[in-house]
């Protein structure tokens, strides 16, 4: 059975894990008004989600 000969230091472990990062969500354009909005969220400018008016926006 494979067993490590030496303990992996914190610095070496963190250097190896530098590429495991969460990606920022890319904004999509709203199909109603065309403004950018996050996916699966109500559009902050027009208040539509999934083709239905969900929020009253002034």
PDB file of N, CA and C in Angstrom:
ATOM      1  N   UNK A   1       0.842  -1.186   0.000  1.00  0.00           N
ATOM      2  CA  UNK A   1       0.000   0.000   0.000  1.00  0.00           C
ATOM      3  C   UNK A   1       0.881   1.241   0.000  1.00  0.00           C
ATOM      4  N   UNK A   2       0.537   2.221  -0.799  1.00  0.00           N
ATOM      5  CA  UNK A   2       1.360   3.421  -0.936  1.00  0.00           C
ATOM      6  C   UNK A   2       1.175   4.332   0.263  1.00  0.00           C
ATOM      7  N   UNK A   3       2.291   4.711   0.863  1.00  0.00           N
ATOM      8  CA  UNK A   3       2.284   5.598   2.010  1.00  0.00           C
ATOM      9  C   UNK A   3       3.283   6.711   1.741  1.00  0.00           C
ATOM     10  N   UNK A   4       2.927   7.977   1.967  1.00  0.00           N
ATOM     11  CA  UNK A   4       3.886   9.054   1.725  1.00  0.00           C
ATOM     12  C   UNK A   4       5.065   8.969   2.690  1.00  0.00           C
ATOM     13  N   UNK A   5       6.280   9.204   2.160  1.00  0.00           N
ATOM     14  CA  UNK A   5       7.482   9.135   3.008  1.00  0.00           C
ATOM     15  C   UNK A   5       7.592  10.349   3.912  1.00  0.00           C
ATOM     16  N   UNK A   6       7.208  11.508   3.421  1.00  0.00           N
ATOM     17  CA  UNK A   6       7.307  12.742   4.200  1.00  0.00           C
ATOM     18  C   UNK A   6       5.944  13.429   4.219  1.00  0.00           C
ATOM     19  N   UNK A   7       5.726  14.213   5.243  1.00  0.00           N
ATOM     20  CA  UNK A   7       4.495  14.987   5.346  1.00  0.00           C
ATOM     21  C   UNK A   7       4.547  16.142   4.345  1.00  0.00           C
ATOM     22  N   UNK A   8       3.426  16.399   3.673  1.00  0.00           N
ATOM     23  CA  UNK A   8       3.336  17.510   2.725  1.00  0.00           C
ATOM     24  C   UNK A   8       3.103  18.781   3.523  1.00  0.00           C
ATOM     25  N   UNK A   9       3.975  19.767   3.312  1.00  0.00           N
ATOM     26  CA  UNK A   9       3.867  21.007   4.068  1.00  0.00           C
ATOM     27  C   UNK A   9       2.651  21.810   3.616  1.00  0.00           C
ATOM     28  N   UNK A  10       2.233  22.756   4.464  1.00  0.00           N
ATOM     29  CA  UNK A  10       1.090  23.612   4.129  1.00  0.00           C
ATOM     30  C   UNK A  10       1.369  24.418   2.874  1.00  0.00           C
ATOM     31  N   UNK A  11       2.600  24.911   2.762  1.00  0.00           N
ATOM     32  CA  UNK A  11       2.961  25.736   1.613  1.00  0.00           C
ATOM     33  C   UNK A  11       2.886  24.925   0.313  1.00  0.00           C
ATOM     34  N   UNK A  12       3.412  23.712   0.338  1.00  0.00           N
ATOM     35  CA  UNK A  12       3.395  22.871  -0.860  1.00  0.00           C
ATOM     36  C   UNK A  12       1.972  22.480  -1.237  1.00  0.00           C
ATOM     37  N   UNK A  13       1.150  22.174  -0.227  1.00  0.00           N
ATOM     38  CA  UNK A  13      -0.248  21.813  -0.464  1.00  0.00           C
ATOM     39  C   UNK A  13      -0.998  22.990  -1.086  1.00  0.00           C
ATOM     40  N   UNK A  14      -0.768  24.197  -0.565  1.00  0.00           N
ATOM     41  CA  UNK A  14      -1.468  25.383  -1.075  1.00  0.00           C
ATOM     42  C   UNK A  14      -1.001  25.763  -2.465  1.00  0.00           C
ATOM     43  N   UNK A  15       0.283  25.534  -2.769  1.00  0.00           N
ATOM     44  CA  UNK A  15       0.776  25.796  -4.129  1.00  0.00           C
ATOM     45  C   UNK A  15       0.100  24.882  -5.139  1.00  0.00           C
ATOM     46  N   UNK A  16      -0.133  23.653  -4.743  1.00  0.00           N
ATOM     47  CA  UNK A  16      -0.773  22.693  -5.643  1.00  0.00           C
ATOM     48  C   UNK A  16      -2.238  23.048  -5.874  1.00  0.00           C
ATOM     49  N   UNK A  17      -2.878  23.625  -4.870  1.00  0.00           N
ATOM     50  CA  UNK A  17      -4.310  23.915  -4.957  1.00  0.00           C
ATOM     51  C   UNK A  17      -4.633  25.326  -5.432  1.00  0.00           C
ATOM     52  N   UNK A  18      -3.658  26.047  -5.971  1.00  0.00           N
ATOM     53  CA  UNK A  18      -3.926  27.427  -6.390  1.00  0.00           C
ATOM     54  C   UNK A  18      -4.869  27.506  -7.574  1.00  0.00           C
ATOM     55  N   UNK A  19      -4.983  26.451  -8.363  1.00  0.00           N
ATOM     56  CA  UNK A  19      -5.804  26.496  -9.568  1.00  0.00           C
ATOM     57  C   UNK A  19      -7.242  26.075  -9.320  1.00  0.00           C
ATOM     58  N   UNK A  20      -7.564  25.602  -8.106  1.00  0.00           N
ATOM     59  CA  UNK A  20      -8.934  25.226  -7.789  1.00  0.00           C
ATOM     60  C   UNK A  20      -9.673  26.467  -7.296  1.00  0.00           C
ATOM     61  N   UNK A  21     -10.226  27.228  -8.220  1.00  0.00           N
ATOM     62  CA  UNK A  21     -10.913  28.465  -7.856  1.00  0.00           C
ATOM     63  C   UNK A  21     -12.335  28.433  -8.387  1.00  0.00           C
ATOM     64  N   UNK A  22     -13.219  29.081  -7.689  1.00  0.00           N
ATOM     65  CA  UNK A  22     -14.589  29.210  -8.161  1.00  0.00           C
ATOM     66  C   UNK A  22     -14.646  30.301  -9.227  1.00  0.00           C
ATOM     67  N   UNK A  23     -15.363  30.025 -10.304  1.00  0.00           N
ATOM     68  CA  UNK A  23     -15.499  31.012 -11.375  1.00  0.00           C
ATOM     69  C   UNK A  23     -16.624  31.986 -11.047  1.00  0.00           C
ATOM     70  N   UNK A  24     -16.458  33.224 -11.462  1.00  0.00           N
ATOM     71  CA  UNK A  24     -17.509  34.217 -11.300  1.00  0.00           C
ATOM     72  C   UNK A  24     -18.616  33.948 -12.310  1.00  0.00           C
ATOM     73  N   UNK A  25     -19.880  34.090 -11.899  1.00  0.00           N
ATOM     74  CA  UNK A  25     -20.959  33.873 -12.862  1.00  0.00           C
ATOM     75  C   UNK A  25     -20.970  34.980 -13.909  1.00  0.00           C
ATOM     76  N   UNK A  26     -21.097  34.577 -15.152  1.00  0.00           N
ATOM     77  CA  UNK A  26     -21.119  35.551 -16.251  1.00  0.00           C
ATOM     78  C   UNK A  26     -22.539  36.051 -16.457  1.00  0.00           C
ATOM     79  N   UNK A  27     -22.716  37.361 -16.575  1.00  0.00           N
ATOM     80  CA  UNK A  27     -24.070  37.886 -16.763  1.00  0.00           C
ATOM     81  C   UNK A  27     -24.593  37.576 -18.165  1.00  0.00           C
ATOM     82  N   UNK A  28     -25.868  37.250 -18.246  1.00  0.00           N
ATOM     83  CA  UNK A  28     -26.558  37.037 -19.510  1.00  0.00           C
ATOM     84  C   UNK A  28     -27.388  38.268 -19.805  1.00  0.00           C
ATOM     85  N   UNK A  29     -27.852  38.369 -21.050  1.00  0.00           N
ATOM     86  CA  UNK A  29     -28.736  39.485 -21.378  1.00  0.00           C
ATOM     87  C   UNK A  29     -30.181  39.055 -21.122  1.00  0.00           C
ATOM     88  N   UNK A  30     -30.955  39.974 -20.607  1.00  0.00           N
ATOM     89  CA  UNK A  30     -32.362  39.717 -20.316  1.00  0.00           C
ATOM     90  C   UNK A  30     -33.124  39.604 -21.643  1.00  0.00           C
ATOM     91  N   UNK A  31     -33.962  38.572 -21.808  1.00  0.00           N
ATOM     92  CA  UNK A  31     -34.707  38.461 -23.066  1.00  0.00           C
ATOM     93  C   UNK A  31     -35.772  39.537 -23.240  1.00  0.00           C
ATOM     94  N   UNK A  32     -36.221  40.175 -22.159  1.00  0.00           N
ATOM     95  CA  UNK A  32     -37.252  41.216 -22.254  1.00  0.00           C
ATOM     96  C   UNK A  32     -36.657  42.572 -22.618  1.00  0.00           C
ATOM     97  N   UNK A  33     -35.645  43.008 -21.831  1.00  0.00           N
ATOM     98  CA  UNK A  33     -35.130  44.367 -22.024  1.00  0.00           C
ATOM     99  C   UNK A  33     -33.712  44.393 -22.590  1.00  0.00           C
ATOM    100  N   UNK A  34     -32.977  43.281 -22.515  1.00  0.00           N
ATOM    101  CA  UNK A  34     -31.629  43.235 -23.070  1.00  0.00           C
ATOM    102  C   UNK A  34     -30.530  43.686 -22.134  1.00  0.00           C
ATOM    103  N   UNK A  35     -30.888  44.123 -20.939  1.00  0.00           N
ATOM    104  CA  UNK A  35     -29.874  44.531 -19.960  1.00  0.00           C
ATOM    105  C   UNK A  35     -29.187  43.300 -19.372  1.00  0.00           C
ATOM    106  N   UNK A  36     -27.949  43.437 -18.903  1.00  0.00           N
ATOM    107  CA  UNK A  36     -27.275  42.276 -18.305  1.00  0.00           C
ATOM    108  C   UNK A  36     -27.879  41.911 -16.950  1.00  0.00           C
ATOM    109  N   UNK A  37     -27.980  40.612 -16.710  1.00  0.00           N
ATOM    110  CA  UNK A  37     -28.479  40.104 -15.433  1.00  0.00           C
ATOM    111  C   UNK A  37     -27.806  38.768 -15.169  1.00  0.00           C
ATOM    112  N   UNK A  38     -27.768  38.360 -13.893  1.00  0.00           N
ATOM    113  CA  UNK A  38     -27.186  37.072 -13.542  1.00  0.00           C
ATOM    114  C   UNK A  38     -28.149  35.954 -13.932  1.00  0.00           C
ATOM    115  N   UNK A  39     -27.617  34.789 -14.312  1.00  0.00           N
ATOM    116  CA  UNK A  39     -28.515  33.690 -14.675  1.00  0.00           C
ATOM    117  C   UNK A  39     -29.322  33.207 -13.482  1.00  0.00           C
ATOM    118  N   UNK A  40     -30.550  32.799 -13.734  1.00  0.00           N
ATOM    119  CA  UNK A  40     -31.493  32.288 -12.731  1.00  0.00           C
ATOM    120  C   UNK A  40     -31.829  33.335 -11.675  1.00  0.00           C
ATOM    121  N   UNK A  41     -31.863  34.598 -12.059  1.00  0.00           N
ATOM    122  CA  UNK A  41     -32.236  35.689 -11.154  1.00  0.00           C
ATOM    123  C   UNK A  41     -33.260  36.579 -11.855  1.00  0.00           C
ATOM    124  N   UNK A  42     -34.035  37.313 -11.064  1.00  0.00           N
ATOM    125  CA  UNK A  42     -34.969  38.292 -11.605  1.00  0.00           C
ATOM    126  C   UNK A  42     -34.164  39.441 -12.185  1.00  0.00           C
ATOM    127  N   UNK A  43     -34.584  39.955 -13.325  1.00  0.00           N
ATOM    128  CA  UNK A  43     -33.904  41.093 -13.942  1.00  0.00           C
ATOM    129  C   UNK A  43     -34.131  42.330 -13.075  1.00  0.00           C
ATOM    130  N   UNK A  44     -33.064  42.995 -12.636  1.00  0.00           N
ATOM    131  CA  UNK A  44     -33.250  44.158 -11.761  1.00  0.00           C
ATOM    132  C   UNK A  44     -33.806  45.381 -12.477  1.00  0.00           C
ATOM    133  N   UNK A  45     -33.694  45.429 -13.806  1.00  0.00           N
ATOM    134  CA  UNK A  45     -34.168  46.629 -14.503  1.00  0.00           C
ATOM    135  C   UNK A  45     -35.624  46.537 -14.935  1.00  0.00           C
ATOM    136  N   UNK A  46     -36.100  45.325 -15.320  1.00  0.00           N
ATOM    137  CA  UNK A  46     -37.490  45.231 -15.772  1.00  0.00           C
ATOM    138  C   UNK A  46     -38.363  44.365 -14.865  1.00  0.00           C
ATOM    139  N   UNK A  47     -37.770  43.495 -14.028  1.00  0.00           N
ATOM    140  CA  UNK A  47     -38.546  42.705 -13.086  1.00  0.00           C
ATOM    141  C   UNK A  47     -39.111  41.418 -13.653  1.00  0.00           C
ATOM    142  N   UNK A  48     -38.650  40.972 -14.814  1.00  0.00           N
ATOM    143  CA  UNK A  48     -39.152  39.752 -15.431  1.00  0.00           C
ATOM    144  C   UNK A  48     -38.255  38.570 -15.094  1.00  0.00           C
ATOM    145  N   UNK A  49     -38.862  37.387 -15.000  1.00  0.00           N
ATOM    146  CA  UNK A  49     -38.126  36.139 -14.853  1.00  0.00           C
ATOM    147  C   UNK A  49     -38.924  35.038 -15.530  1.00  0.00           C
ATOM    148  N   UNK A  50     -38.322  34.359 -16.492  1.00  0.00           N
ATOM    149  CA  UNK A  50     -39.002  33.267 -17.189  1.00  0.00           C
ATOM    150  C   UNK A  50     -40.177  33.738 -18.012  1.00  0.00           C
ATOM    151  N   UNK A  51     -40.129  34.952 -18.540  1.00  0.00           N
ATOM    152  CA  UNK A  51     -41.201  35.474 -19.367  1.00  0.00           C
ATOM    153  C   UNK A  51     -42.392  36.012 -18.591  1.00  0.00           C
ATOM    154  N   UNK A  52     -42.337  36.013 -17.282  1.00  0.00           N
ATOM    155  CA  UNK A  52     -43.439  36.520 -16.465  1.00  0.00           C
ATOM    156  C   UNK A  52     -42.956  37.675 -15.599  1.00  0.00           C
ATOM    157  N   UNK A  53     -43.820  38.655 -15.383  1.00  0.00           N
ATOM    158  CA  UNK A  53     -43.493  39.773 -14.522  1.00  0.00           C
ATOM    159  C   UNK A  53     -43.595  39.317 -13.067  1.00  0.00           C
ATOM    160  N   UNK A  54     -42.478  39.398 -12.366  1.00  0.00           N
ATOM    161  CA  UNK A  54     -42.396  38.917 -10.981  1.00  0.00           C
ATOM    162  C   UNK A  54     -42.287  40.073 -10.008  1.00  0.00           C
ATOM    163  N   UNK A  55     -41.653  41.140 -10.434  1.00  0.00           N
ATOM    164  CA  UNK A  55     -41.346  42.251  -9.548  1.00  0.00           C
ATOM    165  C   UNK A  55     -41.759  43.553 -10.204  1.00  0.00           C
ATOM    166  N   UNK A  56     -42.423  44.421  -9.449  1.00  0.00           N
ATOM    167  CA  UNK A  56     -42.784  45.733  -9.949  1.00  0.00           C
ATOM    168  C   UNK A  56     -41.579  46.666  -9.836  1.00  0.00           C
ATOM    169  N   UNK A  57     -41.080  47.172 -10.954  1.00  0.00           N
ATOM    170  CA  UNK A  57     -39.932  48.066 -10.978  1.00  0.00           C
ATOM    171  C   UNK A  57     -40.411  49.420 -11.469  1.00  0.00           C
ATOM    172  N   UNK A  58     -39.973  50.460 -10.780  1.00  0.00           N
ATOM    173  CA  UNK A  58     -40.401  51.823 -11.152  1.00  0.00           C
ATOM    174  C   UNK A  58     -39.617  52.343 -12.326  1.00  0.00           C
TER     175      UNK A  58
END
